[in-house]
Protein backbone atom coordinates (compact mmCIF):
# COMPACT_ATOMS: atom_id res chain seq x y z
CA MET A 1 -17.12 10.92 -6.92
CA PHE A 2 -18.43 7.38 -7.27
CA LYS A 3 -19.46 6.12 -10.66
CA VAL A 4 -20.22 2.55 -11.53
CA ASP A 5 -19.47 3.08 -15.21
CA GLU A 6 -15.89 4.30 -14.79
CA THR A 7 -13.16 2.85 -16.96
CA PRO A 8 -11.05 -0.07 -15.79
CA GLN A 9 -8.04 2.25 -15.90
CA LYS A 10 -9.56 4.74 -13.45
CA LYS A 11 -10.69 1.99 -11.09
CA ALA A 12 -7.26 0.34 -11.21
CA VAL A 13 -5.48 3.64 -10.60
CA SER A 14 -7.83 4.25 -7.65
CA VAL A 15 -6.95 0.84 -6.19
CA ALA A 16 -3.23 1.44 -6.75
CA TYR A 17 -3.43 4.88 -5.15
CA GLY A 18 -5.20 3.47 -2.11
CA ILE A 19 -2.70 0.63 -1.75
CA PHE A 20 0.15 3.11 -2.03
CA TRP A 21 -1.18 5.27 0.81
CA GLY A 22 -2.19 2.25 2.86
CA ILE A 23 1.42 1.05 3.00
CA PHE A 24 3.28 4.40 2.87
CA PRO A 25 4.90 5.02 6.28
CA LEU A 26 2.80 7.96 7.46
CA TRP A 27 0.78 5.97 9.99
CA GLY A 28 -2.24 7.92 11.18
CA PHE A 29 -2.18 10.34 8.27
CA GLN A 30 -2.65 7.94 5.38
CA LEU A 31 -6.38 8.48 4.88
CA ALA A 32 -6.12 12.17 5.71
CA ILE A 33 -3.80 12.53 2.72
CA ALA A 34 -5.21 9.85 0.41
CA LEU A 35 -8.87 10.91 0.35
CA PRO A 36 -8.56 14.64 -0.38
CA THR A 37 -5.83 14.08 -2.94
CA ALA A 38 -7.87 11.30 -4.57
CA ALA A 39 -10.76 13.75 -4.93
CA LEU A 40 -8.35 16.35 -6.29
CA PHE A 41 -7.06 13.86 -8.87
CA ARG A 42 -10.67 12.86 -9.67
CA LEU A 43 -10.14 9.25 -8.65
CA ASN A 44 -12.84 7.00 -7.26
CA VAL A 45 -12.68 8.04 -3.58
CA PRO A 46 -14.60 5.04 -2.14
CA ILE A 47 -12.27 2.64 -3.96
CA VAL A 48 -9.25 4.58 -2.68
CA PHE A 49 -10.71 4.42 0.85
CA PHE A 50 -11.22 0.66 0.77
CA ALA A 51 -7.84 -0.04 -0.84
CA ALA A 52 -6.02 2.21 1.65
CA ASN A 53 -7.46 0.12 4.46
CA ILE A 54 -4.93 -2.58 3.64
CA SER A 55 -3.26 -1.37 6.83
CA ILE A 56 -5.98 -2.69 9.14
CA PRO A 57 -4.67 -4.15 12.43
CA PRO A 58 -4.53 -7.82 11.35
CA MET A 59 -2.38 -6.84 8.35
CA ILE A 60 0.03 -4.52 10.20
CA PRO A 61 2.53 -7.22 11.28
CA PHE A 62 2.73 -8.49 7.69
CA ILE A 63 3.16 -4.98 6.28
CA LEU A 64 5.87 -4.23 8.87
CA TYR A 65 7.61 -7.53 8.12
CA ALA A 66 7.47 -7.00 4.35
CA SER A 67 8.66 -3.41 4.78
CA PHE A 68 11.63 -4.46 6.93
CA TRP A 69 12.68 -7.14 4.46
CA THR A 70 12.20 -4.85 1.48
CA GLY A 71 14.37 -2.31 3.27
CA ALA A 72 16.98 -4.98 3.88
CA LEU A 73 17.01 -5.85 0.18
CA VAL A 74 17.23 -2.22 -0.91
CA TRP A 75 19.65 -1.10 1.79
CA GLY A 76 21.89 -4.11 1.35
CA GLY A 77 21.49 -6.43 4.28
CA ASN A 78 19.50 -7.14 7.37
CA HIS A 79 20.26 -4.67 10.16
CA GLY A 80 18.45 -6.38 13.00
CA ASP A 81 16.40 -9.32 14.17
CA LEU A 82 13.39 -9.32 11.89
CA SER A 83 11.43 -12.40 12.80
CA LEU A 84 7.66 -12.08 12.35
CA ASP A 85 6.97 -12.74 16.04
CA LYS A 86 9.01 -9.63 16.98
CA MET A 87 7.14 -7.22 14.70
CA GLY A 88 5.08 -6.02 17.68
CA ASP A 89 8.19 -5.11 19.70
CA LEU A 90 8.75 -1.36 19.50
CA ASP A 91 12.46 -1.76 20.34
CA VAL A 92 12.99 -3.83 17.19
CA ILE A 93 11.12 -1.25 15.13
CA GLN A 94 13.00 1.73 16.63
CA THR A 95 16.37 0.05 16.10
CA ASN A 96 15.57 -0.50 12.43
CA ILE A 97 13.51 2.60 11.62
CA TYR A 98 15.61 3.62 8.60
CA GLN A 99 15.45 0.15 7.10
CA TYR A 100 11.70 0.04 7.74
CA THR A 101 11.08 3.49 6.23
CA VAL A 102 13.05 2.79 3.07
CA GLY A 103 11.39 -0.61 2.74
CA ALA A 104 7.88 0.75 3.31
CA ILE A 105 8.33 3.47 0.69
CA VAL A 106 9.65 0.99 -1.89
CA LEU A 107 7.00 -1.58 -0.93
CA SER A 108 4.22 1.00 -1.28
CA PHE A 109 5.28 1.76 -4.86
CA VAL A 110 5.82 -1.89 -5.82
CA ALA A 111 2.60 -3.16 -4.22
CA ALA A 112 0.59 -0.30 -5.76
CA PHE A 113 1.98 -1.11 -9.20
CA ILE A 114 1.44 -4.87 -8.95
CA ILE A 115 -2.02 -4.70 -7.37
CA GLY A 116 -3.08 -1.86 -9.67
CA LEU A 117 -1.94 -3.79 -12.74
CA ALA A 118 -3.66 -6.97 -11.55
CA THR A 119 -6.85 -4.99 -10.91
CA TYR A 120 -6.69 -3.49 -14.38
CA LEU A 121 -6.16 -6.88 -16.03
CA VAL A 122 -9.08 -8.44 -14.14
CA LEU A 123 -11.41 -5.52 -14.92
CA TYR A 124 -10.30 -5.36 -18.55
CA LYS A 125 -10.85 -9.08 -19.02
CA ARG A 126 -14.24 -8.88 -17.31
CA ASN A 127 -15.31 -5.99 -19.56
CA ALA A 128 -14.00 -7.75 -22.67
CA SER A 129 -16.03 -10.87 -21.92
CA ARG A 130 -19.30 -8.90 -21.79
């Protein structure tokens, strides 16, 4: 389950998988899905666990904000008041649930790809310099 000598590719995929589930809009079920499926896919489960915890409480307003704006870009316009100080207001979230959901799904894929690629490049460079 946890090997120190895993390839940079496997570690990067584990990070990307965790980031994906950490942002994906299934709040409360993210780890319940991410960890067993990571074990099934033979990923590094501790890395997936730590990466999936991107959705810790201090990060939630930023994830919500980024998800709303990503949804606005994908859906074609802002469909509500999306200022960062209103991200804790459930009325704002309920009014814009479709925009949020679309944005969170797209953001989870994009963030997983970017962070996974960055992780791979850092690990590859670190291994190459040894």
